[in-house]
Protein backbone atom coordinates (compact mmCIF):
# COMPACT_ATOMS: atom_id res chain seq x y z
CA MET A 1 7.44 -11.01 4.77
CA SER A 2 7.57 -14.77 4.92
CA THR A 3 4.91 -17.22 6.46
CA LYS A 4 6.26 -19.75 8.91
CA LYS A 5 8.37 -22.47 7.09
CA SER A 6 7.19 -26.19 6.81
CA ARG A 7 9.95 -29.16 6.76
CA ILE A 8 7.63 -30.44 3.97
CA VAL A 9 8.94 -30.22 0.30
CA THR A 10 6.89 -31.70 -2.55
CA LEU A 11 7.82 -32.26 -6.21
CA THR A 12 6.04 -32.23 -9.37
CA SER A 13 7.87 -33.10 -12.66
CA ASP A 14 7.94 -34.40 -15.97
CA LEU A 15 11.05 -36.41 -15.34
CA GLY A 16 9.53 -39.62 -14.92
CA THR A 17 11.31 -42.40 -12.76
CA GLY A 18 13.14 -44.59 -15.20
CA ASP A 19 16.59 -43.00 -14.47
CA TYR A 20 18.64 -41.34 -12.55
CA HIS A 21 17.48 -37.68 -12.62
CA LEU A 22 14.97 -37.87 -9.81
CA ALA A 23 17.06 -39.58 -7.28
CA ALA A 24 19.50 -36.91 -7.86
CA VAL A 25 17.10 -33.90 -7.06
CA LYS A 26 15.88 -36.13 -3.88
CA GLY A 27 19.67 -36.64 -2.99
CA LEU A 28 20.63 -33.07 -3.29
CA LEU A 29 17.67 -32.07 -1.04
CA LEU A 30 18.21 -34.86 1.36
CA LYS A 31 22.08 -33.90 1.58
CA MET A 32 21.36 -30.16 2.39
CA THR A 33 18.54 -30.77 4.41
CA PRO A 34 18.24 -34.03 5.90
CA SER A 35 15.39 -33.30 8.17
CA ILE A 36 12.79 -32.57 5.45
CA THR A 37 9.75 -34.52 4.45
CA LEU A 38 9.52 -35.27 0.38
CA VAL A 39 6.34 -35.52 -0.91
CA ASP A 40 5.89 -36.63 -4.77
CA ILE A 41 2.71 -35.27 -6.20
CA SER A 42 3.44 -36.26 -9.84
CA HIS A 43 6.45 -37.27 -12.07
CA GLN A 44 4.37 -38.29 -14.98
CA ILE A 45 3.49 -34.87 -16.63
CA LYS A 46 3.74 -34.67 -20.01
CA PRO A 47 7.39 -33.64 -21.00
CA HIS A 48 7.51 -29.52 -20.70
CA HIS A 49 3.44 -29.67 -20.15
CA TYR A 50 3.67 -27.13 -17.83
CA ILE A 51 -0.35 -26.43 -17.90
CA GLN A 52 -0.97 -30.11 -16.89
CA ALA A 53 1.50 -29.33 -14.15
CA ALA A 54 -0.01 -26.07 -12.55
CA PHE A 55 -3.87 -28.27 -12.71
CA VAL A 56 -1.82 -31.15 -10.89
CA LEU A 57 -0.71 -28.83 -8.47
CA SER A 58 -3.75 -26.34 -8.23
CA GLN A 59 -5.86 -29.20 -7.01
CA CYS A 60 -3.80 -30.32 -4.15
CA PHE A 61 -1.15 -27.66 -2.65
CA ARG A 62 -3.98 -26.38 -0.46
CA ASP A 63 -3.76 -29.61 1.46
CA PHE A 64 -0.65 -29.27 2.46
CA PRO A 65 -0.10 -27.36 5.66
CA GLU A 66 1.12 -23.71 5.44
CA GLY A 67 4.55 -23.00 4.74
CA THR A 68 4.89 -26.27 2.53
CA LEU A 69 7.47 -25.60 -0.15
CA HIS A 70 6.48 -26.73 -3.65
CA LEU A 71 8.81 -27.49 -6.58
CA VAL A 72 7.93 -27.57 -10.12
CA GLY A 73 10.48 -29.16 -12.49
CA VAL A 74 8.73 -29.09 -15.99
CA GLU A 75 9.96 -27.01 -19.34
CA GLY A 76 13.14 -27.19 -17.65
CA ASP A 77 14.60 -26.62 -20.82
CA PHE A 78 18.31 -25.27 -22.02
CA VAL A 79 16.97 -21.99 -23.63
CA LYS A 80 19.22 -18.99 -22.96
CA GLY A 81 17.34 -16.26 -20.93
CA ASN A 82 15.00 -18.75 -18.92
CA SER A 83 14.56 -17.66 -15.40
CA PHE A 84 13.33 -19.30 -12.02
CA LEU A 85 11.45 -17.96 -9.27
CA ILE A 86 10.57 -18.21 -5.65
CA ALA A 87 7.13 -16.87 -4.16
CA GLN A 88 4.80 -16.85 -1.81
CA VAL A 89 1.38 -17.78 -2.71
CA GLU A 90 -1.82 -18.39 -0.40
CA LYS A 91 1.13 -18.87 2.63
CA GLN A 92 2.60 -21.75 0.33
CA ILE A 93 6.64 -21.52 -1.02
CA PHE A 94 6.59 -22.35 -4.68
CA PHE A 95 10.12 -22.53 -7.08
CA VAL A 96 8.95 -22.65 -10.08
CA LYS A 97 9.97 -21.77 -13.72
CA ASN A 98 9.37 -18.30 -15.14
CA ASN A 99 6.92 -19.37 -17.68
CA GLY A 100 3.06 -18.19 -16.31
CA ILE A 101 3.02 -21.40 -14.14
CA LEU A 102 2.77 -19.41 -10.85
CA THR A 103 -0.67 -17.68 -11.83
CA LEU A 104 -1.92 -20.96 -13.26
CA ILE A 105 -1.55 -22.70 -9.92
CA SER A 106 -3.54 -19.72 -8.31
CA LYS A 107 -5.52 -16.94 -9.03
CA GLU A 108 -4.45 -14.82 -5.66
CA GLU A 109 -1.44 -12.49 -6.33
CA PRO A 110 1.78 -13.61 -4.61
CA GLU A 111 2.79 -11.98 -1.42
CA TRP A 112 6.52 -11.48 -3.11
CA VAL A 113 8.24 -13.15 -5.87
CA TYR A 114 11.99 -12.94 -6.46
CA ARG A 115 14.32 -14.04 -9.46
CA LEU A 116 16.43 -16.45 -8.05
CA ASN A 117 20.43 -16.40 -8.87
CA CYS A 118 21.96 -19.31 -11.01
CA ASP A 119 24.83 -19.71 -13.35
CA PRO A 120 23.69 -20.13 -16.84
CA LYS A 121 26.32 -22.15 -18.65
CA ARG A 122 25.93 -24.73 -15.45
CA ASP A 123 22.71 -24.51 -13.74
CA LEU A 124 20.46 -24.67 -16.75
CA LYS A 125 21.78 -27.92 -17.77
CA PHE A 126 19.74 -29.31 -14.51
CA PRO A 127 17.59 -26.33 -13.22
CA LEU A 128 15.31 -28.40 -11.08
CA LYS A 129 18.16 -29.88 -9.06
CA LEU A 130 21.23 -27.12 -9.34
CA ILE A 131 18.29 -24.18 -9.22
CA LEU A 132 15.33 -25.06 -7.69
CA ALA A 133 16.28 -27.96 -5.28
CA LYS A 134 19.49 -25.72 -4.20
CA ALA A 135 17.58 -22.82 -3.72
CA ALA A 136 14.88 -24.68 -1.69
CA SER A 137 17.55 -26.23 0.50
CA LEU A 138 19.43 -22.79 1.44
CA TYR A 139 15.68 -21.41 2.16
CA LEU A 140 15.08 -23.95 4.76
CA ASN A 141 18.53 -23.28 6.19
CA GLY A 142 17.48 -19.96 6.79
CA VAL A 143 18.73 -18.07 3.68
CA PRO A 144 16.27 -15.30 3.18
CA PRO A 145 14.57 -14.86 0.05
CA GLU A 146 16.14 -11.69 -0.82
CA GLN A 147 19.41 -13.51 -0.80
CA LEU A 148 18.58 -15.94 -3.10
CA GLY A 149 17.67 -13.57 -5.75
CA VAL A 150 16.28 -10.40 -6.70
CA PRO A 151 12.95 -8.86 -6.58
CA GLU A 152 10.77 -9.48 -9.69
CA THR A 153 8.02 -7.56 -10.67
CA ASP A 154 7.56 -8.46 -14.17
CA PHE A 155 7.19 -12.08 -13.81
CA VAL A 156 5.19 -13.87 -16.95
CA GLU A 157 1.55 -13.98 -15.99
CA ARG A 158 -1.18 -16.65 -17.61
CA ARG A 159 -4.33 -17.44 -16.87
CA PRO A 160 -6.64 -20.49 -16.94
CA ARG A 161 -9.07 -20.62 -19.88
CA GLU A 162 -12.52 -19.96 -18.72
CA PRO A 163 -15.39 -21.70 -20.31
CA VAL A 164 -17.90 -19.61 -22.53
CA ILE A 165 -21.22 -19.22 -20.86
CA SER A 166 -24.60 -17.94 -22.89
CA THR A 167 -27.78 -18.20 -22.17
CA ASN A 168 -28.62 -21.70 -22.48
CA SER A 169 -24.92 -23.45 -22.76
CA ILE A 170 -21.50 -23.70 -21.34
CA THR A 171 -18.69 -24.09 -24.05
CA GLY A 172 -15.27 -25.26 -22.27
CA ILE A 173 -12.32 -27.55 -23.11
CA ILE A 174 -10.59 -30.65 -22.30
CA ILE A 175 -7.77 -29.61 -19.84
CA ALA A 176 -5.76 -32.58 -18.63
CA THR A 177 -5.79 -36.54 -18.66
CA ASN A 178 -5.64 -38.69 -15.45
CA GLN A 179 -4.16 -41.68 -15.23
CA HIS A 180 -6.72 -43.91 -15.74
CA GLY A 181 -7.05 -42.26 -19.32
CA ASN A 182 -10.08 -40.29 -19.07
CA VAL A 183 -10.22 -36.69 -18.93
CA VAL A 184 -10.86 -33.29 -16.98
CA THR A 185 -12.61 -29.92 -18.98
CA ASN A 186 -12.29 -26.41 -17.24
CA ILE A 187 -16.03 -26.53 -16.54
CA HIS A 188 -16.78 -26.34 -12.94
CA ARG A 189 -19.76 -27.37 -11.12
CA ARG A 190 -20.34 -23.77 -10.40
CA HIS A 191 -21.11 -22.66 -13.67
CA PHE A 192 -23.27 -25.73 -14.21
CA GLU A 193 -25.14 -24.69 -10.87
CA GLY A 194 -26.07 -21.14 -12.34
CA PHE A 195 -28.51 -22.24 -14.65
CA THR A 196 -31.57 -22.58 -13.24
CA GLY A 197 -34.94 -22.96 -15.00
CA PHE A 198 -34.14 -25.77 -17.59
CA SER A 199 -35.34 -29.48 -17.19
CA ASN A 200 -32.80 -31.23 -19.52
CA CYS A 201 -28.83 -30.81 -20.46
CA ARG A 202 -26.36 -32.41 -23.30
CA VAL A 203 -23.16 -32.64 -22.86
CA HIS A 204 -21.40 -32.89 -26.26
CA TYR A 205 -18.12 -34.35 -26.59
CA ASN A 206 -18.13 -34.86 -30.67
CA LYS A 207 -20.70 -33.47 -33.12
CA MET A 208 -22.89 -36.10 -32.84
CA ASP A 209 -22.12 -37.99 -29.88
CA TYR A 210 -23.49 -36.70 -26.33
CA PHE A 211 -24.25 -37.42 -22.74
CA LYS A 212 -27.96 -37.21 -22.17
CA ARG A 213 -26.87 -36.94 -18.29
CA ILE A 214 -24.23 -36.28 -15.71
CA CYS A 215 -23.75 -38.77 -13.39
CA HIS A 216 -22.48 -38.75 -9.84
CA SER A 217 -19.61 -41.14 -10.45
CA TYR A 218 -18.62 -43.80 -13.02
CA HIS A 219 -20.29 -46.47 -10.55
CA ASP A 220 -23.41 -45.12 -11.71
CA VAL A 221 -22.86 -46.85 -15.59
CA GLY A 222 -21.42 -50.34 -16.48
CA GLU A 223 -18.11 -51.30 -16.87
CA GLY A 224 -16.93 -50.01 -20.30
CA VAL A 225 -19.81 -47.67 -20.44
CA ALA A 226 -18.92 -43.90 -21.22
CA ALA A 227 -19.94 -41.49 -18.67
CA CYS A 228 -19.68 -37.73 -17.38
CA PHE A 229 -19.49 -36.64 -13.94
CA PHE A 230 -18.07 -33.80 -11.68
CA GLY A 231 -15.37 -34.79 -10.05
CA SER A 232 -14.04 -34.57 -6.72
CA SER A 233 -12.00 -31.22 -7.87
CA GLY A 234 -15.46 -30.07 -8.68
CA TYR A 235 -14.97 -30.10 -12.46
CA LEU A 236 -16.09 -31.76 -15.08
CA GLU A 237 -14.80 -35.05 -16.07
CA MET A 238 -15.56 -37.29 -18.68
CA GLY A 239 -14.47 -40.80 -19.90
CA ILE A 240 -15.45 -44.66 -19.60
CA ASN A 241 -15.75 -46.71 -16.82
CA GLY A 242 -12.47 -48.68 -16.51
CA GLY A 243 -10.37 -46.12 -18.24
CA GLY A 244 -9.44 -45.33 -21.71
CA GLY A 245 -11.62 -43.03 -22.58
CA GLN A 246 -9.45 -40.51 -24.44
CA ASN A 247 -8.80 -42.57 -27.07
CA LEU A 248 -11.91 -44.63 -27.53
CA LEU A 249 -14.02 -41.32 -27.41
CA SER A 250 -11.04 -39.13 -29.16
CA LEU A 251 -10.94 -36.67 -26.14
CA ASN A 252 -8.03 -35.22 -26.90
CA GLU A 253 -6.61 -32.09 -24.70
CA GLY A 254 -7.71 -29.05 -26.09
CA LYS A 255 -10.89 -30.34 -27.85
CA SER A 256 -14.15 -28.77 -27.22
CA ILE A 257 -16.61 -29.62 -24.72
CA TRP A 258 -20.05 -27.91 -24.27
CA ILE A 259 -23.31 -28.24 -22.56
CA GLU A 260 -26.42 -27.50 -23.88
CA PHE A 261 -29.76 -27.00 -21.85
CA ASP A 262 -33.08 -26.53 -22.75
């Protein structure tokens, strides 16, 4: 049923690093499974922003060895009826809330999914530690998924919003902000490369503002100058060389971005 196990556990959360919560999660994991390697992906996810968490994790989980465990602690609120999952996707093991993040991380269908057992009165106060980290440690110590929960076939599914493509344009949205205050859109290089026979393009980010060209990187322009380019993830990024493009260019998440060809 399961792929081979790795002793690597990654953590993605909105906990930040300003108090004891993250240390408590790591402490439990290390106490129950001392031989593991912990990797922090990000703890600067915006509070409850599971779409941002999914994007961040989707860009790096395939770089880890087969069987790596990925714990996501975002939108860990106290709502009655919350459920949490263990699932295998692309030969990786995910411990997540049942809020749609699983299908936002990967387009591949999960090989299997189980709804984790928990005590709602106790565990929902700190689900990343009391549900996800505990279940991950038990799994690494040899407890099979079917003993950690019950099969879940009706888990919440959400899909990433795809750009709208017409004969001479691509319309997408801003989906994330990076640590430099610049932004990433959902327009991928493969969408752009599908347009042939055009000599010019304009990348519009406001009604009257647009980029006349797509650069290779921010190094193609001077410091403090705005630019757009396809980043290492393959998605169109835009902002300012030096950072701060989100605020200075009014590039808010969810805002429409469109490329016009002629």
